[in-house]
Amino acid sequence: MSIPAFRRSRMVSFRLSPGEYETFAKLCPELGVRSISDIARIALQHLAAARGGSDPLAFEVRDLRSQLKVMVDEVDRIADIVQTRTVSKAGLD
């Protein structure tokens, strides 16, 4: 079972030519990102920062904090399940 990814609530959609898609898809592993969406998000963050918006690093830190909270919540949930099963099993002995 994988840990659920941080869920974003807004979606932006745009079209790429087959060549653009292939170029960006090849960039993903080189940049260490999961998808073309990640490339687009990073590019938009840099554009916003260049125009006087927030620092791209601030976007990343906020995103990482949100993802960490999701993971902590999931670990807590799993720990509760393990503890419940351990207590139930101990009661059967």
PDB file of N, CA and C in Angstrom:
ATOM      1  N   MET A   1       0.842  -1.176   0.000  1.00  0.00           N
ATOM      2  CA  MET A   1       0.000   0.000   0.000  1.00  0.00           C
ATOM      3  C   MET A   1       0.887   1.239   0.000  1.00  0.00           C
ATOM      4  N   SER A   2       0.619   2.175  -0.887  1.00  0.00           N
ATOM      5  CA  SER A   2       1.434   3.378  -0.937  1.00  0.00           C
ATOM      6  C   SER A   2       0.802   4.474  -0.086  1.00  0.00           C
ATOM      7  N   ILE A   3       1.638   5.403   0.324  1.00  0.00           N
ATOM      8  CA  ILE A   3       1.161   6.533   1.112  1.00  0.00           C
ATOM      9  C   ILE A   3       0.481   7.498   0.157  1.00  0.00           C
ATOM     10  N   PRO A   4      -0.707   7.983   0.505  1.00  0.00           N
ATOM     11  CA  PRO A   4      -1.401   8.888  -0.398  1.00  0.00           C
ATOM     12  C   PRO A   4      -0.609  10.170  -0.603  1.00  0.00           C
ATOM     13  N   ALA A   5      -0.560  10.641  -1.824  1.00  0.00           N
ATOM     14  CA  ALA A   5       0.150  11.877  -2.132  1.00  0.00           C
ATOM     15  C   ALA A   5      -0.669  13.064  -1.652  1.00  0.00           C
ATOM     16  N   PHE A   6       0.012  14.172  -1.430  1.00  0.00           N
ATOM     17  CA  PHE A   6      -0.672  15.396  -1.057  1.00  0.00           C
ATOM     18  C   PHE A   6      -1.650  15.753  -2.164  1.00  0.00           C
ATOM     19  N   ARG A   7      -2.859  16.058  -1.803  1.00  0.00           N
ATOM     20  CA  ARG A   7      -3.878  16.353  -2.803  1.00  0.00           C
ATOM     21  C   ARG A   7      -4.016  17.850  -2.991  1.00  0.00           C
ATOM     22  N   ARG A   8      -3.897  18.257  -4.208  1.00  0.00           N
ATOM     23  CA  ARG A   8      -4.098  19.666  -4.551  1.00  0.00           C
ATOM     24  C   ARG A   8      -5.543  19.824  -4.990  1.00  0.00           C
ATOM     25  N   SER A   9      -6.105  21.004  -4.789  1.00  0.00           N
ATOM     26  CA  SER A   9      -7.528  21.161  -5.046  1.00  0.00           C
ATOM     27  C   SER A   9      -7.847  21.853  -6.374  1.00  0.00           C
ATOM     28  N   ARG A  10      -6.869  22.393  -7.041  1.00  0.00           N
ATOM     29  CA  ARG A  10      -7.108  23.094  -8.307  1.00  0.00           C
ATOM     30  C   ARG A  10      -6.359  22.414  -9.442  1.00  0.00           C
ATOM     31  N   MET A  11      -6.963  22.441 -10.620  1.00  0.00           N
ATOM     32  CA  MET A  11      -6.325  21.810 -11.767  1.00  0.00           C
ATOM     33  C   MET A  11      -6.192  22.820 -12.895  1.00  0.00           C
ATOM     34  N   VAL A  12      -5.052  22.793 -13.561  1.00  0.00           N
ATOM     35  CA  VAL A  12      -4.806  23.610 -14.742  1.00  0.00           C
ATOM     36  C   VAL A  12      -4.528  22.647 -15.880  1.00  0.00           C
ATOM     37  N   SER A  13      -5.128  22.905 -17.013  1.00  0.00           N
ATOM     38  CA  SER A  13      -4.965  22.001 -18.141  1.00  0.00           C
ATOM     39  C   SER A  13      -4.474  22.779 -19.364  1.00  0.00           C
ATOM     40  N   PHE A  14      -3.545  22.193 -20.094  1.00  0.00           N
ATOM     41  CA  PHE A  14      -3.095  22.783 -21.348  1.00  0.00           C
ATOM     42  C   PHE A  14      -2.615  21.678 -22.270  1.00  0.00           C
ATOM     43  N   ARG A  15      -2.571  21.970 -23.542  1.00  0.00           N
ATOM     44  CA  ARG A  15      -2.207  20.967 -24.535  1.00  0.00           C
ATOM     45  C   ARG A  15      -0.757  21.142 -24.967  1.00  0.00           C
ATOM     46  N   LEU A  16      -0.128  20.011 -25.276  1.00  0.00           N
ATOM     47  CA  LEU A  16       1.239  19.986 -25.787  1.00  0.00           C
ATOM     48  C   LEU A  16       1.257  19.266 -27.125  1.00  0.00           C
ATOM     49  N   SER A  17       2.183  19.655 -27.965  1.00  0.00           N
ATOM     50  CA  SER A  17       2.371  18.902 -29.203  1.00  0.00           C
ATOM     51  C   SER A  17       3.044  17.581 -28.825  1.00  0.00           C
ATOM     52  N   PRO A  18       2.982  16.591 -29.705  1.00  0.00           N
ATOM     53  CA  PRO A  18       3.672  15.325 -29.398  1.00  0.00           C
ATOM     54  C   PRO A  18       5.165  15.523 -29.114  1.00  0.00           C
ATOM     55  N   GLY A  19       5.796  16.433 -29.834  1.00  0.00           N
ATOM     56  CA  GLY A  19       7.220  16.702 -29.619  1.00  0.00           C
ATOM     57  C   GLY A  19       7.484  17.338 -28.269  1.00  0.00           C
ATOM     58  N   GLU A  20       6.626  18.302 -27.888  1.00  0.00           N
ATOM     59  CA  GLU A  20       6.774  18.933 -26.576  1.00  0.00           C
ATOM     60  C   GLU A  20       6.588  17.895 -25.471  1.00  0.00           C
ATOM     61  N   TYR A  21       5.560  17.060 -25.625  1.00  0.00           N
ATOM     62  CA  TYR A  21       5.293  16.044 -24.609  1.00  0.00           C
ATOM     63  C   TYR A  21       6.498  15.118 -24.445  1.00  0.00           C
ATOM     64  N   GLU A  22       7.041  14.669 -25.565  1.00  0.00           N
ATOM     65  CA  GLU A  22       8.193  13.762 -25.525  1.00  0.00           C
ATOM     66  C   GLU A  22       9.402  14.437 -24.863  1.00  0.00           C
ATOM     67  N   THR A  23       9.628  15.702 -25.210  1.00  0.00           N
ATOM     68  CA  THR A  23      10.742  16.452 -24.619  1.00  0.00           C
ATOM     69  C   THR A  23      10.586  16.558 -23.113  1.00  0.00           C
ATOM     70  N   PHE A  24       9.386  16.940 -22.662  1.00  0.00           N
ATOM     71  CA  PHE A  24       9.157  17.118 -21.223  1.00  0.00           C
ATOM     72  C   PHE A  24       9.164  15.781 -20.481  1.00  0.00           C
ATOM     73  N   ALA A  25       8.642  14.740 -21.130  1.00  0.00           N
ATOM     74  CA  ALA A  25       8.638  13.423 -20.499  1.00  0.00           C
ATOM     75  C   ALA A  25      10.071  12.931 -20.270  1.00  0.00           C
ATOM     76  N   LYS A  26      10.956  13.216 -21.217  1.00  0.00           N
ATOM     77  CA  LYS A  26      12.360  12.823 -21.070  1.00  0.00           C
ATOM     78  C   LYS A  26      13.060  13.646 -19.986  1.00  0.00           C
ATOM     79  N   LEU A  27      12.578  14.866 -19.746  1.00  0.00           N
ATOM     80  CA  LEU A  27      13.178  15.721 -18.724  1.00  0.00           C
ATOM     81  C   LEU A  27      12.857  15.265 -17.300  1.00  0.00           C
ATOM     82  N   CYS A  28      11.722  14.596 -17.122  1.00  0.00           N
ATOM     83  CA  CYS A  28      11.286  14.206 -15.771  1.00  0.00           C
ATOM     84  C   CYS A  28      12.372  13.480 -14.981  1.00  0.00           C
ATOM     85  N   PRO A  29      12.934  12.374 -15.495  1.00  0.00           N
ATOM     86  CA  PRO A  29      13.966  11.689 -14.716  1.00  0.00           C
ATOM     87  C   PRO A  29      15.225  12.535 -14.522  1.00  0.00           C
ATOM     88  N   GLU A  30      15.547  13.342 -15.521  1.00  0.00           N
ATOM     89  CA  GLU A  30      16.735  14.193 -15.413  1.00  0.00           C
ATOM     90  C   GLU A  30      16.577  15.227 -14.301  1.00  0.00           C
ATOM     91  N   LEU A  31      15.351  15.742 -14.150  1.00  0.00           N
ATOM     92  CA  LEU A  31      15.077  16.756 -13.130  1.00  0.00           C
ATOM     93  C   LEU A  31      14.686  16.146 -11.790  1.00  0.00           C
ATOM     94  N   GLY A  32      14.462  14.844 -11.786  1.00  0.00           N
ATOM     95  CA  GLY A  32      14.078  14.173 -10.548  1.00  0.00           C
ATOM     96  C   GLY A  32      12.641  14.451 -10.135  1.00  0.00           C
ATOM     97  N   VAL A  33      11.771  14.658 -11.125  1.00  0.00           N
ATOM     98  CA  VAL A  33      10.354  14.897 -10.836  1.00  0.00           C
ATOM     99  C   VAL A  33       9.532  13.727 -11.348  1.00  0.00           C
ATOM    100  N   ARG A  34       8.312  13.620 -10.821  1.00  0.00           N
ATOM    101  CA  ARG A  34       7.460  12.480 -11.164  1.00  0.00           C
ATOM    102  C   ARG A  34       6.734  12.638 -12.489  1.00  0.00           C
ATOM    103  N   SER A  35       6.449  13.892 -12.874  1.00  0.00           N
ATOM    104  CA  SER A  35       5.580  14.062 -14.030  1.00  0.00           C
ATOM    105  C   SER A  35       5.788  15.414 -14.701  1.00  0.00           C
ATOM    106  N   ILE A  36       5.191  15.549 -15.862  1.00  0.00           N
ATOM    107  CA  ILE A  36       5.202  16.821 -16.576  1.00  0.00           C
ATOM    108  C   ILE A  36       4.467  17.880 -15.758  1.00  0.00           C
ATOM    109  N   SER A  37       3.461  17.469 -15.014  1.00  0.00           N
ATOM    110  CA  SER A  37       2.750  18.414 -14.138  1.00  0.00           C
ATOM    111  C   SER A  37       3.702  19.040 -13.133  1.00  0.00           C
ATOM    112  N   ASP A  38       4.625  18.241 -12.588  1.00  0.00           N
ATOM    113  CA  ASP A  38       5.606  18.780 -11.648  1.00  0.00           C
ATOM    114  C   ASP A  38       6.506  19.809 -12.323  1.00  0.00           C
ATOM    115  N   ILE A  39       6.895  19.530 -13.565  1.00  0.00           N
ATOM    116  CA  ILE A  39       7.720  20.487 -14.311  1.00  0.00           C
ATOM    117  C   ILE A  39       6.947  21.789 -14.494  1.00  0.00           C
ATOM    118  N   ALA A  40       5.689  21.684 -14.895  1.00  0.00           N
ATOM    119  CA  ALA A  40       4.861  22.880 -15.102  1.00  0.00           C
ATOM    120  C   ALA A  40       4.699  23.655 -13.795  1.00  0.00           C
ATOM    121  N   ARG A  41       4.456  22.949 -12.693  1.00  0.00           N
ATOM    122  CA  ARG A  41       4.283  23.610 -11.389  1.00  0.00           C
ATOM    123  C   ARG A  41       5.547  24.371 -11.005  1.00  0.00           C
ATOM    124  N   ILE A  42       6.716  23.729 -11.175  1.00  0.00           N
ATOM    125  CA  ILE A  42       7.992  24.368 -10.838  1.00  0.00           C
ATOM    126  C   ILE A  42       8.219  25.595 -11.715  1.00  0.00           C
ATOM    127  N   ALA A  43       7.938  25.461 -13.005  1.00  0.00           N
ATOM    128  CA  ALA A  43       8.122  26.587 -13.922  1.00  0.00           C
ATOM    129  C   ALA A  43       7.224  27.761 -13.533  1.00  0.00           C
ATOM    130  N   LEU A  44       5.984  27.474 -13.165  1.00  0.00           N
ATOM    131  CA  LEU A  44       5.068  28.543 -12.756  1.00  0.00           C
ATOM    132  C   LEU A  44       5.519  29.182 -11.443  1.00  0.00           C
ATOM    133  N   GLN A  45       6.057  28.390 -10.535  1.00  0.00           N
ATOM    134  CA  GLN A  45       6.571  28.940  -9.282  1.00  0.00           C
ATOM    135  C   GLN A  45       7.743  29.888  -9.547  1.00  0.00           C
ATOM    136  N   HIS A  46       8.627  29.492 -10.458  1.00  0.00           N
ATOM    137  CA  HIS A  46       9.757  30.351 -10.808  1.00  0.00           C
ATOM    138  C   HIS A  46       9.283  31.621 -11.507  1.00  0.00           C
ATOM    139  N   LEU A  47       8.296  31.517 -12.363  1.00  0.00           N
ATOM    140  CA  LEU A  47       7.740  32.689 -13.039  1.00  0.00           C
ATOM    141  C   LEU A  47       7.139  33.657 -12.025  1.00  0.00           C
ATOM    142  N   ALA A  48       6.380  33.121 -11.070  1.00  0.00           N
ATOM    143  CA  ALA A  48       5.782  33.964 -10.035  1.00  0.00           C
ATOM    144  C   ALA A  48       6.862  34.645  -9.203  1.00  0.00           C
ATOM    145  N   ALA A  49       7.920  33.922  -8.874  1.00  0.00           N
ATOM    146  CA  ALA A  49       9.008  34.499  -8.081  1.00  0.00           C
ATOM    147  C   ALA A  49       9.717  35.607  -8.858  1.00  0.00           C
ATOM    148  N   ALA A  50       9.914  35.395 -10.152  1.00  0.00           N
ATOM    149  CA  ALA A  50      10.597  36.388 -10.979  1.00  0.00           C
ATOM    150  C   ALA A  50       9.776  37.669 -11.112  1.00  0.00           C
ATOM    151  N   ARG A  51       8.474  37.556 -10.993  1.00  0.00           N
ATOM    152  CA  ARG A  51       7.593  38.724 -11.124  1.00  0.00           C
ATOM    153  C   ARG A  51       7.262  39.339  -9.763  1.00  0.00           C
ATOM    154  N   GLY A  52       8.049  38.974  -8.755  1.00  0.00           N
ATOM    155  CA  GLY A  52       7.843  39.567  -7.443  1.00  0.00           C
ATOM    156  C   GLY A  52       6.925  38.765  -6.546  1.00  0.00           C
ATOM    157  N   GLY A  53       6.610  37.565  -6.958  1.00  0.00           N
ATOM    158  CA  GLY A  53       5.774  36.703  -6.127  1.00  0.00           C
ATOM    159  C   GLY A  53       6.610  36.021  -5.065  1.00  0.00           C
ATOM    160  N   SER A  54       6.119  34.944  -4.555  1.00  0.00           N
ATOM    161  CA  SER A  54       6.821  34.206  -3.511  1.00  0.00           C
ATOM    162  C   SER A  54       8.061  33.515  -4.052  1.00  0.00           C
ATOM    163  N   ASP A  55       8.977  33.267  -3.173  1.00  0.00           N
ATOM    164  CA  ASP A  55      10.190  32.534  -3.482  1.00  0.00           C
ATOM    165  C   ASP A  55       9.828  31.095  -3.813  1.00  0.00           C
ATOM    166  N   PRO A  56      10.355  30.515  -4.914  1.00  0.00           N
ATOM    167  CA  PRO A  56      10.044  29.115  -5.242  1.00  0.00           C
ATOM    168  C   PRO A  56      10.367  28.162  -4.103  1.00  0.00           C
ATOM    169  N   LEU A  57      11.398  28.472  -3.340  1.00  0.00           N
ATOM    170  CA  LEU A  57      11.745  27.620  -2.211  1.00  0.00           C
ATOM    171  C   LEU A  57      10.621  27.624  -1.176  1.00  0.00           C
ATOM    172  N   ALA A  58       9.974  28.769  -1.008  1.00  0.00           N
ATOM    173  CA  ALA A  58       8.851  28.845  -0.065  1.00  0.00           C
ATOM    174  C   ALA A  58       7.714  27.938  -0.529  1.00  0.00           C
ATOM    175  N   PHE A  59       7.455  27.900  -1.833  1.00  0.00           N
ATOM    176  CA  PHE A  59       6.436  26.996  -2.374  1.00  0.00           C
ATOM    177  C   PHE A  59       6.799  25.552  -2.039  1.00  0.00           C
ATOM    178  N   GLU A  60       8.055  25.194  -2.272  1.00  0.00           N
ATOM    179  CA  GLU A  60       8.508  23.829  -2.023  1.00  0.00           C
ATOM    180  C   GLU A  60       8.407  23.460  -0.546  1.00  0.00           C
ATOM    181  N   VAL A  61       8.821  24.375   0.325  1.00  0.00           N
ATOM    182  CA  VAL A  61       8.755  24.105   1.767  1.00  0.00           C
ATOM    183  C   VAL A  61       7.314  23.909   2.195  1.00  0.00           C
ATOM    184  N   ARG A  62       6.418  24.759   1.717  1.00  0.00           N
ATOM    185  CA  ARG A  62       4.992  24.636   2.055  1.00  0.00           C
ATOM    186  C   ARG A  62       4.443  23.302   1.551  1.00  0.00           C
ATOM    187  N   ASP A  63       4.825  22.936   0.339  1.00  0.00           N
ATOM    188  CA  ASP A  63       4.378  21.666  -0.238  1.00  0.00           C
ATOM    189  C   ASP A  63       4.926  20.484   0.561  1.00  0.00           C
ATOM    190  N   LEU A  64       6.193  20.529   0.909  1.00  0.00           N
ATOM    191  CA  LEU A  64       6.799  19.444   1.687  1.00  0.00           C
ATOM    192  C   LEU A  64       6.161  19.325   3.068  1.00  0.00           C
ATOM    193  N   ARG A  65       5.862  20.448   3.692  1.00  0.00           N
ATOM    194  CA  ARG A  65       5.193  20.409   4.997  1.00  0.00           C
ATOM    195  C   ARG A  65       3.833  19.741   4.883  1.00  0.00           C
ATOM    196  N   SER A  66       3.107  20.074   3.837  1.00  0.00           N
ATOM    197  CA  SER A  66       1.789  19.463   3.639  1.00  0.00           C
ATOM    198  C   SER A  66       1.907  17.962   3.406  1.00  0.00           C
ATOM    199  N   GLN A  67       2.866  17.566   2.592  1.00  0.00           N
ATOM    200  CA  GLN A  67       3.074  16.143   2.329  1.00  0.00           C
ATOM    201  C   GLN A  67       3.510  15.412   3.598  1.00  0.00           C
ATOM    202  N   LEU A  68       4.356  16.053   4.391  1.00  0.00           N
ATOM    203  CA  LEU A  68       4.806  15.447   5.642  1.00  0.00           C
ATOM    204  C   LEU A  68       3.628  15.240   6.585  1.00  0.00           C
ATOM    205  N   LYS A  69       2.713  16.199   6.644  1.00  0.00           N
ATOM    206  CA  LYS A  69       1.539  16.054   7.501  1.00  0.00           C
ATOM    207  C   LYS A  69       0.697  14.863   7.061  1.00  0.00           C
ATOM    208  N   VAL A  70       0.526  14.695   5.752  1.00  0.00           N
ATOM    209  CA  VAL A  70      -0.220  13.548   5.242  1.00  0.00           C
ATOM    210  C   VAL A  70       0.456  12.249   5.675  1.00  0.00           C
ATOM    211  N   MET A  71       1.786  12.196   5.571  1.00  0.00           N
ATOM    212  CA  MET A  71       2.511  10.981   5.950  1.00  0.00           C
ATOM    213  C   MET A  71       2.429  10.726   7.455  1.00  0.00           C
ATOM    214  N   VAL A  72       2.548  11.763   8.259  1.00  0.00           N
ATOM    215  CA  VAL A  72       2.449  11.608   9.710  1.00  0.00           C
ATOM    216  C   VAL A  72       1.062  11.095  10.081  1.00  0.00           C
ATOM    217  N   ASP A  73       0.037  11.651   9.454  1.00  0.00           N
ATOM    218  CA  ASP A  73      -1.330  11.188   9.718  1.00  0.00           C
ATOM    219  C   ASP A  73      -1.491   9.716   9.343  1.00  0.00           C
ATOM    220  N   GLU A  74      -0.886   9.308   8.240  1.00  0.00           N
ATOM    221  CA  GLU A  74      -0.973   7.921   7.797  1.00  0.00           C
ATOM    222  C   GLU A  74      -0.225   6.992   8.761  1.00  0.00           C
ATOM    223  N   VAL A  75       0.951   7.401   9.219  1.00  0.00           N
ATOM    224  CA  VAL A  75       1.708   6.600  10.186  1.00  0.00           C
ATOM    225  C   VAL A  75       0.918   6.476  11.486  1.00  0.00           C
ATOM    226  N   ASP A  76       0.305   7.569  11.935  1.00  0.00           N
ATOM    227  CA  ASP A  76      -0.524   7.521  13.148  1.00  0.00           C
ATOM    228  C   ASP A  76      -1.686   6.548  12.979  1.00  0.00           C
ATOM    229  N   ARG A  77      -2.304   6.580  11.811  1.00  0.00           N
ATOM    230  CA  ARG A  77      -3.434   5.682  11.535  1.00  0.00           C
ATOM    231  C   ARG A  77      -2.978   4.227  11.579  1.00  0.00           C
ATOM    232  N   ILE A  78      -1.848   3.937  10.958  1.00  0.00           N
ATOM    233  CA  ILE A  78      -1.312   2.571  10.944  1.00  0.00           C
ATOM    234  C   ILE A  78      -0.921   2.140  12.354  1.00  0.00           C
ATOM    235  N   ALA A  79      -0.307   3.046  13.121  1.00  0.00           N
ATOM    236  CA  ALA A  79       0.079   2.723  14.499  1.00  0.00           C
ATOM    237  C   ALA A  79      -1.156   2.385  15.335  1.00  0.00           C
ATOM    238  N   ASP A  80      -2.247   3.123  15.128  1.00  0.00           N
ATOM    239  CA  ASP A  80      -3.487   2.824  15.850  1.00  0.00           C
ATOM    240  C   ASP A  80      -4.013   1.434  15.498  1.00  0.00           C
ATOM    241  N   ILE A  81      -3.937   1.073  14.223  1.00  0.00           N
ATOM    242  CA  ILE A  81      -4.398  -0.247  13.782  1.00  0.00           C
ATOM    243  C   ILE A  81      -3.543  -1.332  14.430  1.00  0.00           C
ATOM    244  N   VAL A  82      -2.228  -1.157  14.408  1.00  0.00           N
ATOM    245  CA  VAL A  82      -1.317  -2.150  14.995  1.00  0.00           C
ATOM    246  C   VAL A  82      -1.580  -2.268  16.491  1.00  0.00           C
ATOM    247  N   GLN A  83      -1.734  -1.148  17.169  1.00  0.00           N
ATOM    248  CA  GLN A  83      -1.979  -1.180  18.610  1.00  0.00           C
ATOM    249  C   GLN A  83      -3.304  -1.874  18.927  1.00  0.00           C
ATOM    250  N   THR A  84      -4.341  -1.583  18.157  1.00  0.00           N
ATOM    251  CA  THR A  84      -5.640  -2.218  18.371  1.00  0.00           C
ATOM    252  C   THR A  84      -5.540  -3.726  18.178  1.00  0.00           C
ATOM    253  N   ARG A  85      -4.844  -4.143  17.126  1.00  0.00           N
ATOM    254  CA  ARG A  85      -4.684  -5.582  16.877  1.00  0.00           C
ATOM    255  C   ARG A  85      -3.853  -6.249  17.972  1.00  0.00           C
ATOM    256  N   THR A  86      -2.831  -5.564  18.461  1.00  0.00           N
ATOM    257  CA  THR A  86      -1.982  -6.113  19.517  1.00  0.00           C
ATOM    258  C   THR A  86      -2.784  -6.279  20.807  1.00  0.00           C
ATOM    259  N   VAL A  87      -3.594  -5.272  21.149  1.00  0.00           N
ATOM    260  CA  VAL A  87      -4.412  -5.342  22.349  1.00  0.00           C
ATOM    261  C   VAL A  87      -5.466  -6.440  22.217  1.00  0.00           C
ATOM    262  N   SER A  88      -6.082  -6.529  21.031  1.00  0.00           N
ATOM    263  CA  SER A  88      -7.090  -7.571  20.799  1.00  0.00           C
ATOM    264  C   SER A  88      -6.477  -8.951  20.884  1.00  0.00           C
ATOM    265  N   LYS A  89      -5.294  -9.111  20.309  1.00  0.00           N
ATOM    266  CA  LYS A  89      -4.612 -10.407  20.323  1.00  0.00           C
ATOM    267  C   LYS A  89      -4.207 -10.784  21.755  1.00  0.00           C
ATOM    268  N   ALA A  90      -3.755  -9.806  22.521  1.00  0.00           N
ATOM    269  CA  ALA A  90      -3.332 -10.051  23.917  1.00  0.00           C
ATOM    270  C   ALA A  90      -4.534 -10.493  24.749  1.00  0.00           C
ATOM    271  N   GLY A  91      -5.709  -9.972  24.414  1.00  0.00           N
ATOM    272  CA  GLY A  91      -6.915 -10.353  25.148  1.00  0.00           C
ATOM    273  C   GLY A  91      -7.357 -11.779  24.856  1.00  0.00           C
ATOM    274  N   LEU A  92      -6.898 -12.334  23.744  1.00  0.00           N
ATOM    275  CA  LEU A  92      -7.266 -13.699  23.370  1.00  0.00           C
ATOM    276  C   LEU A  92      -6.366 -14.735  24.026  1.00  0.00           C
ATOM    277  N   ASP A  93      -5.211 -14.294  24.516  1.00  0.00           N
ATOM    278  CA  ASP A  93      -4.265 -15.243  25.134  1.00  0.00           C
ATOM    279  C   ASP A  93      -4.658 -15.648  26.520  1.00  0.00           C
TER     280      ASP A  93
END
